[in-house]
Amino acid sequence: MTKASLTPEEFVQEFVALKDGLVQGYMNAPNLFPGGAAVDALGLSSEQRTALSGVLDTILKDALYTVLLALDGEVPLGARQIAYTLRDGQGNLLSGLLAGPAFEAFQE
């Protein structure tokens, strides 16, 4: 495992890449993603697939943005609102620095 150094912005961009990869997987890789198999089984038209892709993108954007805010202690993660301590592989603090970059990446 690499002990990489990440800025808060780079950490957030990893979540953006995760979201994009999941949407692409669900929409285009039915053999690799269980959700993709479920989407494929719907037999959607091209227009419906485009609409579903947009819905999935929005849902994942909301979910991952919420997780990032929860890691910063800004919102509850489940039933509890706790400020977590999150550090990169080099020990640099990421906690408390994610809300701004997350907003820019997921809400603007």
N, C-alpha and C. Protein backbone atom coordinates (compact mmCIF):
# COMPACT_ATOMS: atom_id res chain seq x y z
N MET A 1 0.84 -1.17 0.00
CA MET A 1 0.00 0.00 0.00
C MET A 1 0.89 1.24 0.00
N THR A 2 0.60 2.17 -0.87
CA THR A 2 1.36 3.41 -0.98
C THR A 2 0.96 4.38 0.11
N LYS A 3 1.94 5.03 0.69
CA LYS A 3 1.67 6.05 1.70
C LYS A 3 1.65 7.40 1.01
N ALA A 4 0.60 7.62 0.23
CA ALA A 4 0.49 8.81 -0.59
C ALA A 4 0.07 10.03 0.21
N SER A 5 0.51 11.15 -0.26
CA SER A 5 0.10 12.42 0.30
C SER A 5 -1.00 12.99 -0.59
N LEU A 6 -2.08 13.42 0.02
CA LEU A 6 -3.21 14.00 -0.72
C LEU A 6 -3.62 15.30 -0.06
N THR A 7 -3.96 16.26 -0.89
CA THR A 7 -4.59 17.47 -0.36
C THR A 7 -6.06 17.16 -0.16
N PRO A 8 -6.78 17.97 0.61
CA PRO A 8 -8.23 17.76 0.73
C PRO A 8 -8.92 17.78 -0.64
N GLU A 9 -8.48 18.66 -1.52
CA GLU A 9 -9.07 18.73 -2.86
C GLU A 9 -8.85 17.44 -3.63
N GLU A 10 -7.64 16.88 -3.53
CA GLU A 10 -7.36 15.62 -4.22
C GLU A 10 -8.17 14.47 -3.62
N PHE A 11 -8.33 14.47 -2.31
CA PHE A 11 -9.14 13.44 -1.66
C PHE A 11 -10.58 13.50 -2.17
N VAL A 12 -11.13 14.70 -2.24
CA VAL A 12 -12.49 14.88 -2.75
C VAL A 12 -12.57 14.42 -4.20
N GLN A 13 -11.56 14.71 -5.00
CA GLN A 13 -11.58 14.29 -6.40
C GLN A 13 -11.58 12.78 -6.55
N GLU A 14 -11.02 12.07 -5.57
CA GLU A 14 -11.11 10.61 -5.58
C GLU A 14 -12.57 10.16 -5.45
N PHE A 15 -13.34 10.88 -4.66
CA PHE A 15 -14.77 10.58 -4.52
C PHE A 15 -15.51 10.90 -5.81
N VAL A 16 -15.13 11.98 -6.48
CA VAL A 16 -15.74 12.32 -7.77
C VAL A 16 -15.44 11.21 -8.78
N ALA A 17 -14.20 10.74 -8.81
CA ALA A 17 -13.83 9.65 -9.72
C ALA A 17 -14.59 8.37 -9.37
N LEU A 18 -14.77 8.11 -8.09
CA LEU A 18 -15.54 6.95 -7.65
C LEU A 18 -16.98 7.04 -8.16
N LYS A 19 -17.59 8.20 -7.98
CA LYS A 19 -18.97 8.41 -8.46
C LYS A 19 -19.06 8.17 -9.95
N ASP A 20 -18.15 8.79 -10.69
CA ASP A 20 -18.18 8.65 -12.15
C ASP A 20 -17.98 7.19 -12.57
N GLY A 21 -17.06 6.50 -11.91
CA GLY A 21 -16.83 5.09 -12.23
C GLY A 21 -18.02 4.21 -11.91
N LEU A 22 -18.68 4.50 -10.80
CA LEU A 22 -19.88 3.72 -10.46
C LEU A 22 -20.99 3.94 -11.46
N VAL A 23 -21.25 5.19 -11.83
CA VAL A 23 -22.31 5.47 -12.81
C VAL A 23 -21.99 4.76 -14.12
N GLN A 24 -20.74 4.88 -14.59
CA GLN A 24 -20.35 4.21 -15.83
C GLN A 24 -20.49 2.69 -15.71
N GLY A 25 -20.10 2.16 -14.56
CA GLY A 25 -20.22 0.72 -14.35
C GLY A 25 -21.66 0.25 -14.34
N TYR A 26 -22.51 0.99 -13.66
CA TYR A 26 -23.92 0.62 -13.61
C TYR A 26 -24.56 0.68 -15.00
N MET A 27 -24.15 1.66 -15.77
CA MET A 27 -24.78 1.86 -17.07
C MET A 27 -24.16 1.02 -18.19
N ASN A 28 -22.87 0.66 -18.04
CA ASN A 28 -22.16 0.06 -19.17
C ASN A 28 -21.46 -1.26 -18.89
N ALA A 29 -21.46 -1.73 -17.66
CA ALA A 29 -20.72 -2.96 -17.35
C ALA A 29 -21.58 -3.93 -16.55
N PRO A 30 -22.63 -4.47 -17.16
CA PRO A 30 -23.53 -5.35 -16.42
C PRO A 30 -22.85 -6.59 -15.86
N ASN A 31 -21.76 -7.03 -16.48
CA ASN A 31 -21.08 -8.23 -15.99
C ASN A 31 -20.13 -7.93 -14.84
N LEU A 32 -19.79 -6.67 -14.63
CA LEU A 32 -18.85 -6.30 -13.58
C LEU A 32 -19.52 -5.74 -12.33
N PHE A 33 -20.69 -5.16 -12.49
CA PHE A 33 -21.39 -4.51 -11.40
C PHE A 33 -22.78 -5.12 -11.24
N PRO A 34 -23.12 -5.61 -10.05
CA PRO A 34 -24.48 -6.13 -9.85
C PRO A 34 -25.55 -5.10 -10.20
N GLY A 35 -25.29 -3.84 -9.86
CA GLY A 35 -26.25 -2.79 -10.23
C GLY A 35 -26.36 -2.65 -11.73
N GLY A 36 -25.26 -2.89 -12.43
CA GLY A 36 -25.28 -2.83 -13.89
C GLY A 36 -26.14 -3.92 -14.49
N ALA A 37 -26.10 -5.09 -13.89
CA ALA A 37 -26.96 -6.19 -14.35
C ALA A 37 -28.42 -5.84 -14.14
N ALA A 38 -28.72 -5.20 -13.02
CA ALA A 38 -30.11 -4.80 -12.75
C ALA A 38 -30.58 -3.74 -13.74
N VAL A 39 -29.71 -2.79 -14.06
CA VAL A 39 -30.05 -1.77 -15.05
C VAL A 39 -30.27 -2.42 -16.41
N ASP A 40 -29.37 -3.29 -16.79
CA ASP A 40 -29.47 -3.96 -18.08
C ASP A 40 -30.76 -4.76 -18.19
N ALA A 41 -31.17 -5.39 -17.10
CA ALA A 41 -32.39 -6.22 -17.10
C ALA A 41 -33.66 -5.40 -17.30
N LEU A 42 -33.57 -4.09 -17.06
CA LEU A 42 -34.76 -3.24 -17.26
C LEU A 42 -35.13 -3.10 -18.72
N GLY A 43 -34.20 -3.31 -19.63
CA GLY A 43 -34.49 -3.20 -21.05
C GLY A 43 -34.89 -1.79 -21.46
N LEU A 44 -34.20 -0.79 -20.97
CA LEU A 44 -34.56 0.61 -21.21
C LEU A 44 -34.18 1.07 -22.61
N SER A 45 -34.94 2.02 -23.11
CA SER A 45 -34.60 2.67 -24.37
C SER A 45 -33.38 3.57 -24.13
N SER A 46 -32.81 4.06 -25.19
CA SER A 46 -31.65 4.95 -25.10
C SER A 46 -31.98 6.20 -24.27
N GLU A 47 -33.16 6.75 -24.50
CA GLU A 47 -33.57 7.94 -23.75
C GLU A 47 -33.76 7.63 -22.27
N GLN A 48 -34.35 6.49 -21.99
CA GLN A 48 -34.54 6.08 -20.60
C GLN A 48 -33.21 5.80 -19.91
N ARG A 49 -32.28 5.22 -20.63
CA ARG A 49 -30.95 4.96 -20.07
C ARG A 49 -30.25 6.27 -19.73
N THR A 50 -30.38 7.25 -20.61
CA THR A 50 -29.78 8.56 -20.36
C THR A 50 -30.39 9.19 -19.12
N ALA A 51 -31.71 9.11 -19.00
CA ALA A 51 -32.39 9.67 -17.83
C ALA A 51 -31.96 8.93 -16.56
N LEU A 52 -31.88 7.62 -16.61
CA LEU A 52 -31.47 6.84 -15.44
C LEU A 52 -30.03 7.17 -15.06
N SER A 53 -29.17 7.33 -16.03
CA SER A 53 -27.78 7.70 -15.75
C SER A 53 -27.72 9.02 -14.98
N GLY A 54 -28.56 9.98 -15.38
CA GLY A 54 -28.61 11.26 -14.67
C GLY A 54 -29.12 11.11 -13.25
N VAL A 55 -30.10 10.25 -13.06
CA VAL A 55 -30.64 10.00 -11.71
C VAL A 55 -29.57 9.34 -10.84
N LEU A 56 -28.90 8.33 -11.37
CA LEU A 56 -27.85 7.67 -10.60
C LEU A 56 -26.73 8.64 -10.24
N ASP A 57 -26.36 9.48 -11.18
CA ASP A 57 -25.32 10.47 -10.93
C ASP A 57 -25.72 11.39 -9.77
N THR A 58 -26.95 11.86 -9.80
CA THR A 58 -27.44 12.75 -8.75
C THR A 58 -27.50 12.05 -7.40
N ILE A 59 -27.99 10.84 -7.37
CA ILE A 59 -28.09 10.08 -6.11
C ILE A 59 -26.70 9.84 -5.52
N LEU A 60 -25.76 9.39 -6.34
CA LEU A 60 -24.41 9.14 -5.85
C LEU A 60 -23.71 10.43 -5.43
N LYS A 61 -23.97 11.50 -6.16
CA LYS A 61 -23.40 12.80 -5.80
C LYS A 61 -23.89 13.20 -4.42
N ASP A 62 -25.19 13.07 -4.17
CA ASP A 62 -25.75 13.41 -2.86
C ASP A 62 -25.16 12.53 -1.77
N ALA A 63 -25.07 11.23 -2.02
CA ALA A 63 -24.58 10.30 -1.01
C ALA A 63 -23.11 10.55 -0.68
N LEU A 64 -22.28 10.70 -1.69
CA LEU A 64 -20.85 10.89 -1.44
C LEU A 64 -20.56 12.25 -0.84
N TYR A 65 -21.30 13.26 -1.24
CA TYR A 65 -21.15 14.59 -0.63
C TYR A 65 -21.49 14.51 0.86
N THR A 66 -22.55 13.80 1.18
CA THR A 66 -22.95 13.64 2.58
C THR A 66 -21.88 12.89 3.37
N VAL A 67 -21.28 11.86 2.80
CA VAL A 67 -20.21 11.12 3.48
C VAL A 67 -19.03 12.05 3.75
N LEU A 68 -18.64 12.84 2.77
CA LEU A 68 -17.53 13.77 2.98
C LEU A 68 -17.83 14.78 4.07
N LEU A 69 -19.05 15.32 4.07
CA LEU A 69 -19.43 16.26 5.14
C LEU A 69 -19.45 15.56 6.49
N ALA A 70 -19.90 14.31 6.52
CA ALA A 70 -19.93 13.57 7.78
C ALA A 70 -18.52 13.32 8.30
N LEU A 71 -17.57 13.03 7.41
CA LEU A 71 -16.19 12.83 7.84
C LEU A 71 -15.62 14.10 8.47
N ASP A 72 -16.11 15.24 8.03
CA ASP A 72 -15.70 16.53 8.60
C ASP A 72 -16.48 16.89 9.86
N GLY A 73 -17.49 16.08 10.20
CA GLY A 73 -18.30 16.36 11.38
C GLY A 73 -19.37 17.40 11.14
N GLU A 74 -19.65 17.70 9.87
CA GLU A 74 -20.62 18.73 9.52
C GLU A 74 -22.07 18.23 9.55
N VAL A 75 -22.27 16.95 9.30
CA VAL A 75 -23.59 16.34 9.29
C VAL A 75 -23.48 14.96 9.93
N PRO A 76 -24.59 14.39 10.38
CA PRO A 76 -24.53 13.03 10.95
C PRO A 76 -24.20 11.99 9.88
N LEU A 77 -23.49 10.98 10.31
CA LEU A 77 -23.28 9.79 9.49
C LEU A 77 -24.12 8.72 10.16
N GLY A 78 -25.32 8.51 9.67
CA GLY A 78 -26.27 7.65 10.38
C GLY A 78 -26.91 8.45 11.49
N ALA A 79 -26.88 7.91 12.69
CA ALA A 79 -27.57 8.54 13.82
C ALA A 79 -26.68 9.50 14.60
N ARG A 80 -25.38 9.47 14.36
CA ARG A 80 -24.47 10.27 15.18
C ARG A 80 -23.69 11.28 14.35
N GLN A 81 -23.55 12.46 14.89
CA GLN A 81 -22.70 13.48 14.28
C GLN A 81 -21.41 13.57 15.08
N ILE A 82 -20.33 13.09 14.47
CA ILE A 82 -19.04 12.99 15.13
C ILE A 82 -18.00 13.62 14.21
N ALA A 83 -17.07 14.36 14.79
CA ALA A 83 -15.94 14.87 14.01
C ALA A 83 -14.87 13.78 13.98
N TYR A 84 -14.59 13.24 12.83
CA TYR A 84 -13.60 12.19 12.66
C TYR A 84 -12.23 12.80 12.38
N THR A 85 -11.19 12.05 12.69
CA THR A 85 -9.84 12.47 12.34
C THR A 85 -9.41 11.63 11.16
N LEU A 86 -9.20 12.29 10.05
CA LEU A 86 -8.83 11.62 8.81
C LEU A 86 -7.49 12.18 8.34
N ARG A 87 -6.55 11.30 8.08
CA ARG A 87 -5.22 11.71 7.63
C ARG A 87 -4.87 10.93 6.36
N ASP A 88 -4.03 11.54 5.53
CA ASP A 88 -3.55 10.83 4.35
C ASP A 88 -2.43 9.87 4.74
N GLY A 89 -1.85 9.19 3.79
CA GLY A 89 -0.82 8.21 4.06
C GLY A 89 0.46 8.77 4.66
N GLN A 90 0.64 10.07 4.52
CA GLN A 90 1.82 10.74 5.08
C GLN A 90 1.53 11.34 6.45
N GLY A 91 0.28 11.20 6.92
CA GLY A 91 -0.09 11.74 8.22
C GLY A 91 -0.62 13.16 8.19
N ASN A 92 -0.78 13.72 6.99
CA ASN A 92 -1.32 15.08 6.87
C ASN A 92 -2.81 15.08 7.16
N LEU A 93 -3.26 16.03 7.94
CA LEU A 93 -4.66 16.12 8.35
C LEU A 93 -5.55 16.52 7.18
N LEU A 94 -6.60 15.75 6.96
CA LEU A 94 -7.62 16.08 5.96
C LEU A 94 -8.91 16.53 6.64
N SER A 95 -9.14 16.03 7.84
CA SER A 95 -10.36 16.35 8.58
C SER A 95 -10.49 17.85 8.78
N GLY A 96 -11.73 18.32 8.67
CA GLY A 96 -12.01 19.73 8.87
C GLY A 96 -11.71 20.57 7.65
N LEU A 97 -11.21 19.93 6.59
CA LEU A 97 -10.82 20.67 5.39
C LEU A 97 -11.54 20.17 4.14
N LEU A 98 -12.54 19.32 4.32
CA LEU A 98 -13.20 18.68 3.18
C LEU A 98 -14.47 19.37 2.72
N ALA A 99 -15.15 20.09 3.59
CA ALA A 99 -16.46 20.65 3.26
C ALA A 99 -16.39 21.60 2.07
N GLY A 100 -15.42 22.48 2.05
CA GLY A 100 -15.30 23.44 0.94
C GLY A 100 -15.04 22.77 -0.39
N PRO A 101 -13.99 21.94 -0.48
CA PRO A 101 -13.75 21.24 -1.74
C PRO A 101 -14.91 20.31 -2.14
N ALA A 102 -15.57 19.70 -1.16
CA ALA A 102 -16.71 18.82 -1.48
C ALA A 102 -17.85 19.63 -2.06
N PHE A 103 -18.11 20.80 -1.50
CA PHE A 103 -19.17 21.65 -2.04
C PHE A 103 -18.85 22.03 -3.47
N GLU A 104 -17.62 22.45 -3.72
CA GLU A 104 -17.22 22.85 -5.07
C GLU A 104 -17.36 21.69 -6.06
N ALA A 105 -16.96 20.51 -5.63
CA ALA A 105 -16.98 19.35 -6.53
C ALA A 105 -18.36 18.78 -6.77
N PHE A 106 -19.21 18.80 -5.74
CA PHE A 106 -20.49 18.10 -5.85
C PHE A 106 -21.71 19.00 -5.93
N GLN A 107 -21.58 20.26 -5.57
CA GLN A 107 -22.78 21.11 -5.51
C GLN A 107 -22.74 22.30 -6.47
N GLU A 108 -21.58 22.63 -6.97
CA GLU A 108 -21.53 23.77 -7.91
C GLU A 108 -21.60 23.32 -9.33
